[in-house]
PDB file of N, CA and C in Angstrom:
ATOM      1  N   UNK A   1       0.747  -1.485  -0.338  1.00  0.00           N
ATOM      2  CA  UNK A   1       0.168   0.153  -0.356  1.00  0.00           C
ATOM      3  C   UNK A   1       0.672   2.041  -0.036  1.00  0.00           C
ATOM      4  N   UNK A   2       0.256   2.236  -1.016  1.00  0.00           N
ATOM      5  CA  UNK A   2       1.249   3.153  -0.976  1.00  0.00           C
ATOM      6  C   UNK A   2       1.017   4.412   0.303  1.00  0.00           C
ATOM      7  N   UNK A   3       1.810   4.882   0.712  1.00  0.00           N
ATOM      8  CA  UNK A   3       1.221   6.348   2.093  1.00  0.00           C
ATOM      9  C   UNK A   3       2.101   7.070   1.815  1.00  0.00           C
ATOM     10  N   UNK A   4       3.034   7.699   1.609  1.00  0.00           N
ATOM     11  CA  UNK A   4       3.538   9.271   0.914  1.00  0.00           C
ATOM     12  C   UNK A   4       5.064   9.610  -0.421  1.00  0.00           C
ATOM     13  N   UNK A   5       4.718   9.888  -0.604  1.00  0.00           N
ATOM     14  CA  UNK A   5       5.930  10.500  -1.529  1.00  0.00           C
ATOM     15  C   UNK A   5       6.843  11.561  -1.195  1.00  0.00           C
ATOM     16  N   UNK A   6       8.513  11.029  -1.436  1.00  0.00           N
ATOM     17  CA  UNK A   6       9.113  12.199  -0.836  1.00  0.00           C
ATOM     18  C   UNK A   6      10.073  12.720  -2.383  1.00  0.00           C
ATOM     19  N   UNK A   7       9.921  13.685  -2.836  1.00  0.00           N
ATOM     20  CA  UNK A   7      10.038  13.996  -4.144  1.00  0.00           C
ATOM     21  C   UNK A   7      11.538  14.544  -4.539  1.00  0.00           C
ATOM     22  N   UNK A   8      12.135  13.742  -5.164  1.00  0.00           N
ATOM     23  CA  UNK A   8      14.413  13.716  -5.127  1.00  0.00           C
ATOM     24  C   UNK A   8      14.652  14.298  -6.525  1.00  0.00           C
ATOM     25  N   UNK A   9      15.155  15.905  -5.744  1.00  0.00           N
ATOM     26  CA  UNK A   9      15.413  17.532  -6.513  1.00  0.00           C
ATOM     27  C   UNK A   9      16.579  17.478  -6.617  1.00  0.00           C
ATOM     28  N   UNK A  10      17.813  17.384  -8.082  1.00  0.00           N
ATOM     29  CA  UNK A  10      18.676  18.315  -7.612  1.00  0.00           C
ATOM     30  C   UNK A  10      18.974  19.473  -7.161  1.00  0.00           C
ATOM     31  N   UNK A  11      20.343  19.671  -6.783  1.00  0.00           N
ATOM     32  CA  UNK A  11      20.275  20.987  -6.232  1.00  0.00           C
ATOM     33  C   UNK A  11      22.554  20.812  -6.606  1.00  0.00           C
ATOM     34  N   UNK A  12      22.740  21.977  -6.791  1.00  0.00           N
ATOM     35  CA  UNK A  12      24.228  21.944  -7.514  1.00  0.00           C
ATOM     36  C   UNK A  12      24.878  22.906  -5.529  1.00  0.00           C
ATOM     37  N   UNK A  13      24.158  23.171  -4.871  1.00  0.00           N
ATOM     38  CA  UNK A  13      24.842  23.714  -3.967  1.00  0.00           C
ATOM     39  C   UNK A  13      24.307  23.747  -2.216  1.00  0.00           C
ATOM     40  N   UNK A  14      24.531  22.715  -1.402  1.00  0.00           N
ATOM     41  CA  UNK A  14      23.724  22.280   0.021  1.00  0.00           C
ATOM     42  C   UNK A  14      22.982  24.148  -0.027  1.00  0.00           C
ATOM     43  N   UNK A  15      24.313  24.552   0.707  1.00  0.00           N
ATOM     44  CA  UNK A  15      24.177  25.944   1.414  1.00  0.00           C
ATOM     45  C   UNK A  15      23.075  26.731   1.393  1.00  0.00           C
ATOM     46  N   UNK A  16      23.402  26.585  -0.428  1.00  0.00           N
ATOM     47  CA  UNK A  16      22.382  27.997  -1.190  1.00  0.00           C
ATOM     48  C   UNK A  16      20.595  27.330  -0.954  1.00  0.00           C
ATOM     49  N   UNK A  17      21.158  26.132  -1.752  1.00  0.00           N
ATOM     50  CA  UNK A  17      19.378  25.153  -1.066  1.00  0.00           C
ATOM     51  C   UNK A  17      18.745  25.363  -0.098  1.00  0.00           C
ATOM     52  N   UNK A  18      20.059  25.335   1.350  1.00  0.00           N
ATOM     53  CA  UNK A  18      19.477  24.943   2.901  1.00  0.00           C
ATOM     54  C   UNK A  18      18.749  26.523   2.944  1.00  0.00           C
ATOM     55  N   UNK A  19      19.455  27.382   2.623  1.00  0.00           N
ATOM     56  CA  UNK A  19      19.361  28.936   2.481  1.00  0.00           C
ATOM     57  C   UNK A  19      17.860  29.211   2.067  1.00  0.00           C
ATOM     58  N   UNK A  20      17.078  28.900   1.251  1.00  0.00           N
ATOM     59  CA  UNK A  20      16.628  29.065   0.182  1.00  0.00           C
ATOM     60  C   UNK A  20      15.466  27.988   1.277  1.00  0.00           C
ATOM     61  N   UNK A  21      15.381  27.124   0.789  1.00  0.00           N
ATOM     62  CA  UNK A  21      14.214  26.467   1.676  1.00  0.00           C
ATOM     63  C   UNK A  21      13.840  26.636   2.913  1.00  0.00           C
ATOM     64  N   UNK A  22      15.081  26.814   3.978  1.00  0.00           N
ATOM     65  CA  UNK A  22      14.544  27.118   5.225  1.00  0.00           C
ATOM     66  C   UNK A  22      14.642  28.396   5.531  1.00  0.00           C
ATOM     67  N   UNK A  23      15.253  29.928   5.039  1.00  0.00           N
ATOM     68  CA  UNK A  23      15.409  31.140   4.918  1.00  0.00           C
ATOM     69  C   UNK A  23      14.091  32.008   4.455  1.00  0.00           C
ATOM     70  N   UNK A  24      14.033  31.315   3.414  1.00  0.00           N
ATOM     71  CA  UNK A  24      12.389  31.775   1.975  1.00  0.00           C
ATOM     72  C   UNK A  24      11.255  31.138   2.644  1.00  0.00           C
ATOM     73  N   UNK A  25      10.991  29.858   2.647  1.00  0.00           N
ATOM     74  CA  UNK A  25      10.573  29.013   2.630  1.00  0.00           C
ATOM     75  C   UNK A  25      10.069  28.218   3.676  1.00  0.00           C
ATOM     76  N   UNK A  26      10.540  28.584   5.155  1.00  0.00           N
ATOM     77  CA  UNK A  26      10.107  28.150   6.545  1.00  0.00           C
ATOM     78  C   UNK A  26      10.436  26.814   7.038  1.00  0.00           C
ATOM     79  N   UNK A  27      11.249  25.493   5.804  1.00  0.00           N
ATOM     80  CA  UNK A  27      11.348  24.366   6.215  1.00  0.00           C
ATOM     81  C   UNK A  27      11.954  23.717   6.947  1.00  0.00           C
ATOM     82  N   UNK A  28      12.158  23.028   7.146  1.00  0.00           N
ATOM     83  CA  UNK A  28      13.421  22.787   8.289  1.00  0.00           C
ATOM     84  C   UNK A  28      14.387  21.777   8.130  1.00  0.00           C
ATOM     85  N   UNK A  29      15.954  21.869   8.901  1.00  0.00           N
ATOM     86  CA  UNK A  29      16.038  20.315   8.242  1.00  0.00           C
ATOM     87  C   UNK A  29      15.938  19.020   9.091  1.00  0.00           C
ATOM     88  N   UNK A  30      16.042  18.265   8.575  1.00  0.00           N
ATOM     89  CA  UNK A  30      14.955  16.922   9.411  1.00  0.00           C
ATOM     90  C   UNK A  30      16.591  16.440   8.973  1.00  0.00           C
ATOM     91  N   UNK A  31      17.276  16.346   7.850  1.00  0.00           N
ATOM     92  CA  UNK A  31      18.331  15.753   7.809  1.00  0.00           C
ATOM     93  C   UNK A  31      19.850  15.925   6.552  1.00  0.00           C
ATOM     94  N   UNK A  32      21.197  16.221   6.753  1.00  0.00           N
ATOM     95  CA  UNK A  32      22.388  16.339   6.083  1.00  0.00           C
ATOM     96  C   UNK A  32      23.549  15.721   5.775  1.00  0.00           C
ATOM     97  N   UNK A  33      23.189  15.096   4.923  1.00  0.00           N
ATOM     98  CA  UNK A  33      24.390  14.203   4.761  1.00  0.00           C
ATOM     99  C   UNK A  33      25.820  14.314   3.254  1.00  0.00           C
ATOM    100  N   UNK A  34      26.417  13.572   3.008  1.00  0.00           N
ATOM    101  CA  UNK A  34      27.913  14.559   2.273  1.00  0.00           C
ATOM    102  C   UNK A  34      26.665  14.937   1.181  1.00  0.00           C
ATOM    103  N   UNK A  35      26.320  14.590   0.676  1.00  0.00           N
ATOM    104  CA  UNK A  35      25.449  14.973  -0.941  1.00  0.00           C
ATOM    105  C   UNK A  35      23.942  15.372  -0.396  1.00  0.00           C
ATOM    106  N   UNK A  36      23.673  14.842   0.228  1.00  0.00           N
ATOM    107  CA  UNK A  36      22.727  14.616  -0.281  1.00  0.00           C
ATOM    108  C   UNK A  36      22.108  15.505   1.756  1.00  0.00           C
ATOM    109  N   UNK A  37      20.543  15.937   1.255  1.00  0.00           N
ATOM    110  CA  UNK A  37      19.989  16.338   2.605  1.00  0.00           C
ATOM    111  C   UNK A  37      18.171  16.400   2.648  1.00  0.00           C
ATOM    112  N   UNK A  38      17.710  16.289   3.304  1.00  0.00           N
ATOM    113  CA  UNK A  38      15.957  16.435   3.791  1.00  0.00           C
ATOM    114  C   UNK A  38      16.100  17.693   4.515  1.00  0.00           C
ATOM    115  N   UNK A  39      14.552  17.993   3.796  1.00  0.00           N
ATOM    116  CA  UNK A  39      14.188  19.434   4.330  1.00  0.00           C
ATOM    117  C   UNK A  39      12.419  19.067   4.306  1.00  0.00           C
ATOM    118  N   UNK A  40      11.443  19.258   5.737  1.00  0.00           N
ATOM    119  CA  UNK A  40      10.474  19.088   6.189  1.00  0.00           C
ATOM    120  C   UNK A  40       9.798  20.603   6.379  1.00  0.00           C
ATOM    121  N   UNK A  41       8.202  20.709   6.185  1.00  0.00           N
ATOM    122  CA  UNK A  41       7.727  21.594   6.847  1.00  0.00           C
ATOM    123  C   UNK A  41       6.536  21.285   6.545  1.00  0.00           C
ATOM    124  N   UNK A  42       5.583  21.207   7.805  1.00  0.00           N
ATOM    125  CA  UNK A  42       3.855  20.327   7.945  1.00  0.00           C
ATOM    126  C   UNK A  42       4.649  19.057   7.827  1.00  0.00           C
ATOM    127  N   UNK A  43       3.757  18.416   6.156  1.00  0.00           N
ATOM    128  CA  UNK A  43       3.328  17.434   6.647  1.00  0.00           C
ATOM    129  C   UNK A  43       4.760  16.994   5.593  1.00  0.00           C
ATOM    130  N   UNK A  44       5.302  17.602   4.870  1.00  0.00           N
ATOM    131  CA  UNK A  44       5.763  17.530   3.613  1.00  0.00           C
ATOM    132  C   UNK A  44       7.828  16.945   4.136  1.00  0.00           C
ATOM    133  N   UNK A  45       7.926  16.113   3.628  1.00  0.00           N
ATOM    134  CA  UNK A  45       9.832  16.023   2.800  1.00  0.00           C
ATOM    135  C   UNK A  45      10.229  16.724   1.485  1.00  0.00           C
ATOM    136  N   UNK A  46      10.984  16.767   1.391  1.00  0.00           N
ATOM    137  CA  UNK A  46      11.976  17.441   0.390  1.00  0.00           C
ATOM    138  C   UNK A  46      13.159  16.794   0.285  1.00  0.00           C
ATOM    139  N   UNK A  47      13.489  15.689  -0.280  1.00  0.00           N
ATOM    140  CA  UNK A  47      14.358  15.392  -0.728  1.00  0.00           C
ATOM    141  C   UNK A  47      15.910  15.903  -1.752  1.00  0.00           C
ATOM    142  N   UNK A  48      16.880  16.554  -1.622  1.00  0.00           N
ATOM    143  CA  UNK A  48      17.616  16.630  -2.357  1.00  0.00           C
ATOM    144  C   UNK A  48      18.582  16.182  -2.590  1.00  0.00           C
ATOM    145  N   UNK A  49      19.529  15.848  -4.004  1.00  0.00           N
ATOM    146  CA  UNK A  49      20.895  15.470  -4.520  1.00  0.00           C
ATOM    147  C   UNK A  49      21.929  15.900  -4.486  1.00  0.00           C
ATOM    148  N   UNK A  50      23.448  16.016  -4.331  1.00  0.00           N
ATOM    149  CA  UNK A  50      23.933  17.033  -5.068  1.00  0.00           C
ATOM    150  C   UNK A  50      24.260  16.494  -6.964  1.00  0.00           C
ATOM    151  N   UNK A  51      24.308  17.257  -7.326  1.00  0.00           N
ATOM    152  CA  UNK A  51      24.498  17.433  -8.900  1.00  0.00           C
ATOM    153  C   UNK A  51      24.969  18.565  -9.208  1.00  0.00           C
ATOM    154  N   UNK A  52      26.512  19.043  -8.913  1.00  0.00           N
ATOM    155  CA  UNK A  52      27.189  20.408  -9.066  1.00  0.00           C
ATOM    156  C   UNK A  52      27.255  20.447 -10.657  1.00  0.00           C
ATOM    157  N   UNK A  53      26.618  19.570 -11.151  1.00  0.00           N
ATOM    158  CA  UNK A  53      26.929  19.554 -12.432  1.00  0.00           C
ATOM    159  C   UNK A  53      26.049  19.778 -13.870  1.00  0.00           C
ATOM    160  N   UNK A  54      24.453  20.236 -13.224  1.00  0.00           N
ATOM    161  CA  UNK A  54      23.534  20.258 -13.540  1.00  0.00           C
ATOM    162  C   UNK A  54      23.258  21.519 -14.253  1.00  0.00           C
ATOM    163  N   UNK A  55      23.070  22.150 -15.390  1.00  0.00           N
ATOM    164  CA  UNK A  55      22.140  23.187 -15.793  1.00  0.00           C
ATOM    165  C   UNK A  55      21.258  24.136 -15.721  1.00  0.00           C
ATOM    166  N   UNK A  56      21.400  24.792 -14.510  1.00  0.00           N
ATOM    167  CA  UNK A  56      19.305  24.731 -14.635  1.00  0.00           C
ATOM    168  C   UNK A  56      18.418  25.196 -15.575  1.00  0.00           C
ATOM    169  N   UNK A  57      19.334  25.963 -16.800  1.00  0.00           N
ATOM    170  CA  UNK A  57      17.938  25.887 -17.281  1.00  0.00           C
ATOM    171  C   UNK A  57      18.085  24.482 -19.080  1.00  0.00           C
ATOM    172  N   UNK A  58      18.557  23.381 -17.926  1.00  0.00           N
ATOM    173  CA  UNK A  58      18.109  22.455 -18.527  1.00  0.00           C
ATOM    174  C   UNK A  58      17.601  21.534 -17.578  1.00  0.00           C
ATOM    175  N   UNK A  59      16.971  22.196 -16.067  1.00  0.00           N
ATOM    176  CA  UNK A  59      16.527  21.374 -15.439  1.00  0.00           C
ATOM    177  C   UNK A  59      15.092  21.276 -15.617  1.00  0.00           C
ATOM    178  N   UNK A  60      14.815  20.317 -15.204  1.00  0.00           N
ATOM    179  CA  UNK A  60      12.739  20.380 -15.275  1.00  0.00           C
ATOM    180  C   UNK A  60      12.947  19.491 -14.018  1.00  0.00           C
ATOM    181  N   UNK A  61      13.429  19.760 -12.720  1.00  0.00           N
ATOM    182  CA  UNK A  61      12.528  19.035 -11.671  1.00  0.00           C
ATOM    183  C   UNK A  61      11.082  19.907 -11.471  1.00  0.00           C
ATOM    184  N   UNK A  62      10.563  19.290 -10.963  1.00  0.00           N
ATOM    185  CA  UNK A  62       9.100  19.662 -10.557  1.00  0.00           C
ATOM    186  C   UNK A  62       8.650  18.789  -9.343  1.00  0.00           C
ATOM    187  N   UNK A  63       7.712  19.424  -8.421  1.00  0.00           N
ATOM    188  CA  UNK A  63       7.005  19.042  -7.652  1.00  0.00           C
ATOM    189  C   UNK A  63       5.113  19.601  -7.404  1.00  0.00           C
ATOM    190  N   UNK A  64       4.658  19.093  -7.238  1.00  0.00           N
ATOM    191  CA  UNK A  64       3.583  19.667  -6.454  1.00  0.00           C
ATOM    192  C   UNK A  64       3.397  19.752  -5.624  1.00  0.00           C
ATOM    193  N   UNK A  65       2.718  20.897  -4.656  1.00  0.00           N
ATOM    194  CA  UNK A  65       1.971  20.296  -3.637  1.00  0.00           C
ATOM    195  C   UNK A  65       0.948  21.360  -3.321  1.00  0.00           C
ATOM    196  N   UNK A  66       0.230  19.813  -2.551  1.00  0.00           N
ATOM    197  CA  UNK A  66      -0.968  20.652  -1.962  1.00  0.00           C
ATOM    198  C   UNK A  66      -0.849  21.375  -0.895  1.00  0.00           C
ATOM    199  N   UNK A  67      -1.872  22.367  -0.604  1.00  0.00           N
ATOM    200  CA  UNK A  67      -1.568  23.131   0.301  1.00  0.00           C
ATOM    201  C   UNK A  67      -3.052  23.641   0.889  1.00  0.00           C
ATOM    202  N   UNK A  68      -3.419  23.969   2.028  1.00  0.00           N
ATOM    203  CA  UNK A  68      -4.810  23.958   2.681  1.00  0.00           C
ATOM    204  C   UNK A  68      -4.160  25.919   2.817  1.00  0.00           C
ATOM    205  N   UNK A  69      -5.657  26.787   2.685  1.00  0.00           N
ATOM    206  CA  UNK A  69      -5.508  28.461   2.573  1.00  0.00           C
ATOM    207  C   UNK A  69      -4.255  29.106   1.649  1.00  0.00           C
ATOM    208  N   UNK A  70      -4.108  28.425   0.263  1.00  0.00           N
ATOM    209  CA  UNK A  70      -3.190  28.431  -0.294  1.00  0.00           C
ATOM    210  C   UNK A  70      -3.000  30.312  -0.458  1.00  0.00           C
ATOM    211  N   UNK A  71      -3.857  31.205  -0.453  1.00  0.00           N
ATOM    212  CA  UNK A  71      -4.117  32.654  -0.618  1.00  0.00           C
ATOM    213  C   UNK A  71      -3.384  33.303   0.278  1.00  0.00           C
ATOM    214  N   UNK A  72      -3.152  32.707   1.807  1.00  0.00           N
ATOM    215  CA  UNK A  72      -2.602  33.088   2.820  1.00  0.00           C
ATOM    216  C   UNK A  72      -1.303  32.711   2.564  1.00  0.00           C
ATOM    217  N   UNK A  73      -0.863  31.567   1.732  1.00  0.00           N
ATOM    218  CA  UNK A  73       0.476  31.025   1.980  1.00  0.00           C
ATOM    219  C   UNK A  73       1.222  32.383   1.258  1.00  0.00           C
ATOM    220  N   UNK A  74       0.178  32.147  -0.422  1.00  0.00           N
ATOM    221  CA  UNK A  74       0.560  33.032  -1.487  1.00  0.00           C
ATOM    222  C   UNK A  74       0.873  34.993  -0.762  1.00  0.00           C
ATOM    223  N   UNK A  75       0.340  35.011  -0.206  1.00  0.00           N
ATOM    224  CA  UNK A  75       0.237  35.913   0.826  1.00  0.00           C
ATOM    225  C   UNK A  75       1.494  37.007   1.640  1.00  0.00           C
ATOM    226  N   UNK A  76       2.205  35.617   2.017  1.00  0.00           N
ATOM    227  CA  UNK A  76       2.903  35.237   3.192  1.00  0.00           C
ATOM    228  C   UNK A  76       4.308  35.542   2.672  1.00  0.00           C
ATOM    229  N   UNK A  77       4.296  34.514   1.486  1.00  0.00           N
ATOM    230  CA  UNK A  77       5.750  34.746   0.657  1.00  0.00           C
ATOM    231  C   UNK A  77       6.004  36.235  -0.094  1.00  0.00           C
ATOM    232  N   UNK A  78       4.435  36.717  -0.356  1.00  0.00           N
ATOM    233  CA  UNK A  78       4.854  38.086  -1.835  1.00  0.00           C
ATOM    234  C   UNK A  78       5.725  38.494   0.160  1.00  0.00           C
ATOM    235  N   UNK A  79       5.434  38.780   0.562  1.00  0.00           N
ATOM    236  CA  UNK A  79       5.336  39.998   1.918  1.00  0.00           C
ATOM    237  C   UNK A  79       6.540  39.888   2.642  1.00  0.00           C
ATOM    238  N   UNK A  80       7.067  38.398   2.269  1.00  0.00           N
ATOM    239  CA  UNK A  80       8.757  37.987   2.283  1.00  0.00           C
ATOM    240  C   UNK A  80       9.548  38.310   1.316  1.00  0.00           C
ATOM    241  N   UNK A  81       8.642  38.673   0.842  1.00  0.00           N
ATOM    242  CA  UNK A  81       9.921  39.012  -0.793  1.00  0.00           C
ATOM    243  C   UNK A  81      10.171  37.738  -1.789  1.00  0.00           C
ATOM    244  N   UNK A  82       9.627  36.750  -0.945  1.00  0.00           N
ATOM    245  CA  UNK A  82      10.149  35.569  -2.404  1.00  0.00           C
ATOM    246  C   UNK A  82       9.512  35.381  -3.453  1.00  0.00           C
ATOM    247  N   UNK A  83      10.675  35.510  -4.232  1.00  0.00           N
ATOM    248  CA  UNK A  83      10.017  35.663  -5.919  1.00  0.00           C
ATOM    249  C   UNK A  83       8.722  34.406  -6.453  1.00  0.00           C
ATOM    250  N   UNK A  84       8.349  34.916  -6.795  1.00  0.00           N
ATOM    251  CA  UNK A  84       6.927  33.783  -7.416  1.00  0.00           C
ATOM    252  C   UNK A  84       7.841  34.059  -9.582  1.00  0.00           C
ATOM    253  N   UNK A  85       6.960  32.691  -9.973  1.00  0.00           N
ATOM    254  CA  UNK A  85       7.248  32.694 -11.119  1.00  0.00           C
ATOM    255  C   UNK A  85       6.898  33.501 -11.654  1.00  0.00           C
ATOM    256  N   UNK A  86       7.532  33.985 -12.665  1.00  0.00           N
ATOM    257  CA  UNK A  86       6.340  35.333 -13.992  1.00  0.00           C
ATOM    258  C   UNK A  86       5.861  34.708 -14.665  1.00  0.00           C
ATOM    259  N   UNK A  87       5.621  33.077 -15.019  1.00  0.00           N
ATOM    260  CA  UNK A  87       4.135  32.551 -15.138  1.00  0.00           C
ATOM    261  C   UNK A  87       3.408  31.917 -13.852  1.00  0.00           C
ATOM    262  N   UNK A  88       4.179  32.673 -13.011  1.00  0.00           N
ATOM    263  CA  UNK A  88       3.169  31.280 -11.963  1.00  0.00           C
ATOM    264  C   UNK A  88       2.650  32.050 -10.626  1.00  0.00           C
ATOM    265  N   UNK A  89       1.874  33.194 -11.316  1.00  0.00           N
ATOM    266  CA  UNK A  89       1.299  33.692 -10.026  1.00  0.00           C
ATOM    267  C   UNK A  89      -0.117  33.151 -10.103  1.00  0.00           C
ATOM    268  N   UNK A  90      -0.863  33.517  -8.742  1.00  0.00           N
ATOM    269  CA  UNK A  90      -2.021  32.862  -8.009  1.00  0.00           C
ATOM    270  C   UNK A  90      -2.854  32.898  -9.288  1.00  0.00           C
ATOM    271  N   UNK A  91      -3.923  31.647  -8.828  1.00  0.00           N
ATOM    272  CA  UNK A  91      -4.964  31.533 -10.215  1.00  0.00           C
ATOM    273  C   UNK A  91      -5.498  31.074 -10.423  1.00  0.00           C
ATOM    274  N   UNK A  92      -6.659  30.783 -11.163  1.00  0.00           N
ATOM    275  CA  UNK A  92      -7.665  29.942 -10.948  1.00  0.00           C
ATOM    276  C   UNK A  92      -7.095  29.098 -11.903  1.00  0.00           C
ATOM    277  N   UNK A  93      -6.892  27.569 -12.051  1.00  0.00           N
ATOM    278  CA  UNK A  93      -6.932  26.735 -13.701  1.00  0.00           C
ATOM    279  C   UNK A  93      -7.694  26.257 -13.876  1.00  0.00           C
ATOM    280  N   UNK A  94      -8.035  25.803 -15.639  1.00  0.00           N
ATOM    281  CA  UNK A  94      -9.148  25.082 -16.006  1.00  0.00           C
ATOM    282  C   UNK A  94      -9.562  23.770 -15.582  1.00  0.00           C
ATOM    283  N   UNK A  95      -8.648  23.435 -14.469  1.00  0.00           N
ATOM    284  CA  UNK A  95      -8.497  21.575 -13.761  1.00  0.00           C
ATOM    285  C   UNK A  95      -9.695  22.113 -12.482  1.00  0.00           C
ATOM    286  N   UNK A  96      -9.899  23.262 -12.354  1.00  0.00           N
ATOM    287  CA  UNK A  96     -10.793  23.673 -11.277  1.00  0.00           C
ATOM    288  C   UNK A  96      -9.361  23.509  -9.807  1.00  0.00           C
ATOM    289  N   UNK A  97      -8.485  23.326 -10.443  1.00  0.00           N
ATOM    290  CA  UNK A  97      -7.493  23.976  -8.711  1.00  0.00           C
ATOM    291  C   UNK A  97      -6.338  25.564  -8.864  1.00  0.00           C
ATOM    292  N   UNK A  98      -6.411  26.157  -8.053  1.00  0.00           N
ATOM    293  CA  UNK A  98      -6.417  27.266  -7.506  1.00  0.00           C
ATOM    294  C   UNK A  98      -4.856  27.191  -7.420  1.00  0.00           C
ATOM    295  N   UNK A  99      -3.404  27.601  -8.233  1.00  0.00           N
ATOM    296  CA  UNK A  99      -2.195  27.398  -8.278  1.00  0.00           C
ATOM    297  C   UNK A  99      -1.575  29.030  -8.290  1.00  0.00           C
ATOM    298  N   UNK A 100      -0.165  28.454  -7.891  1.00  0.00           N
ATOM    299  CA  UNK A 100       0.777  29.234  -7.744  1.00  0.00           C
ATOM    300  C   UNK A 100       2.084  28.857  -8.540  1.00  0.00           C
ATOM    301  N   UNK A 101       3.381  29.250  -8.198  1.00  0.00           N
ATOM    302  CA  UNK A 101       4.953  28.544  -8.899  1.00  0.00           C
ATOM    303  C   UNK A 101       5.329  29.227  -8.176  1.00  0.00           C
ATOM    304  N   UNK A 102       6.547  29.001  -7.828  1.00  0.00           N
ATOM    305  CA  UNK A 102       8.273  29.026  -7.660  1.00  0.00           C
ATOM    306  C   UNK A 102       9.026  27.895  -8.096  1.00  0.00           C
ATOM    307  N   UNK A 103      10.126  29.329  -8.510  1.00  0.00           N
ATOM    308  CA  UNK A 103      11.780  28.222  -8.987  1.00  0.00           C
ATOM    309  C   UNK A 103      12.746  28.461  -7.498  1.00  0.00           C
ATOM    310  N   UNK A 104      12.965  27.548  -7.510  1.00  0.00           N
ATOM    311  CA  UNK A 104      14.665  27.630  -6.002  1.00  0.00           C
ATOM    312  C   UNK A 104      15.350  27.240  -7.135  1.00  0.00           C
ATOM    313  N   UNK A 105      16.468  28.647  -6.588  1.00  0.00           N
ATOM    314  CA  UNK A 105      18.111  28.015  -7.073  1.00  0.00           C
ATOM    315  C   UNK A 105      18.577  27.496  -7.818  1.00  0.00           C
ATOM    316  N   UNK A 106      18.029  26.652  -8.213  1.00  0.00           N
ATOM    317  CA  UNK A 106      18.562  25.508  -8.976  1.00  0.00           C
ATOM    318  C   UNK A 106      17.394  24.709 -10.092  1.00  0.00           C
ATOM    319  N   UNK A 107      16.660  25.824 -10.101  1.00  0.00           N
ATOM    320  CA  UNK A 107      15.256  26.117 -11.302  1.00  0.00           C
ATOM    321  C   UNK A 107      14.459  24.815 -11.337  1.00  0.00           C
ATOM    322  N   UNK A 108      14.601  25.024  -9.456  1.00  0.00           N
ATOM    323  CA  UNK A 108      13.472  23.663  -9.911  1.00  0.00           C
ATOM    324  C   UNK A 108      11.823  24.357  -9.586  1.00  0.00           C
ATOM    325  N   UNK A 109      10.481  23.463 -10.291  1.00  0.00           N
ATOM    326  CA  UNK A 109       9.578  24.169 -10.280  1.00  0.00           C
ATOM    327  C   UNK A 109       8.310  23.518  -8.926  1.00  0.00           C
ATOM    328  N   UNK A 110       8.699  24.586  -8.073  1.00  0.00           N
ATOM    329  CA  UNK A 110       7.359  24.372  -6.621  1.00  0.00           C
ATOM    330  C   UNK A 110       5.964  25.189  -7.338  1.00  0.00           C
ATOM    331  N   UNK A 111       4.849  23.896  -8.232  1.00  0.00           N
ATOM    332  CA  UNK A 111       3.744  24.124  -7.331  1.00  0.00           C
ATOM    333  C   UNK A 111       2.858  23.566  -6.363  1.00  0.00           C
ATOM    334  N   UNK A 112       2.458  25.449  -5.945  1.00  0.00           N
ATOM    335  CA  UNK A 112       1.155  24.753  -4.845  1.00  0.00           C
ATOM    336  C   UNK A 112      -0.066  24.721  -5.068  1.00  0.00           C
ATOM    337  N   UNK A 113      -0.628  24.501  -4.568  1.00  0.00           N
ATOM    338  CA  UNK A 113      -2.332  24.010  -5.272  1.00  0.00           C
ATOM    339  C   UNK A 113      -3.537  23.275  -4.265  1.00  0.00           C
ATOM    340  N   UNK A 114      -4.653  24.033  -4.486  1.00  0.00           N
ATOM    341  CA  UNK A 114      -5.585  23.181  -3.958  1.00  0.00           C
ATOM    342  C   UNK A 114      -6.829  23.460  -4.488  1.00  0.00           C
ATOM    343  N   UNK A 115      -8.283  22.848  -4.629  1.00  0.00           N
ATOM    344  CA  UNK A 115      -9.482  22.921  -4.657  1.00  0.00           C
ATOM    345  C   UNK A 115      -9.538  24.217  -4.660  1.00  0.00           C
ATOM    346  N   UNK A 116      -9.966  24.855  -5.941  1.00  0.00           N
ATOM    347  CA  UNK A 116     -11.123  26.338  -6.399  1.00  0.00           C
ATOM    348  C   UNK A 116     -12.054  26.303  -5.851  1.00  0.00           C
TER     349      UNK A 116
END
């Protein structure tokens, strides 16, 4: 039986990734190994593996994160100066989800959504 999913995303620099997720998105460090970190917030975990050679322009890492009270999250991030994806402003999508997106320092796309 499937229970949870923990996406694994590439990172070039562990400290830059931790700074973004912990400092800007309020994640907490769960584990930090030589080339692998686990960060969590509320009920989710994101795992990151070191990939120093990745070209962010060619990185297609993506994760969809379901949330409650998306408008509060969106406004909090805006107030904190977190950059929203230029094409990812908060909006209702044709598939019935209210969504917005961010790009992390390695160009991993984080999309947040809840039912409209």
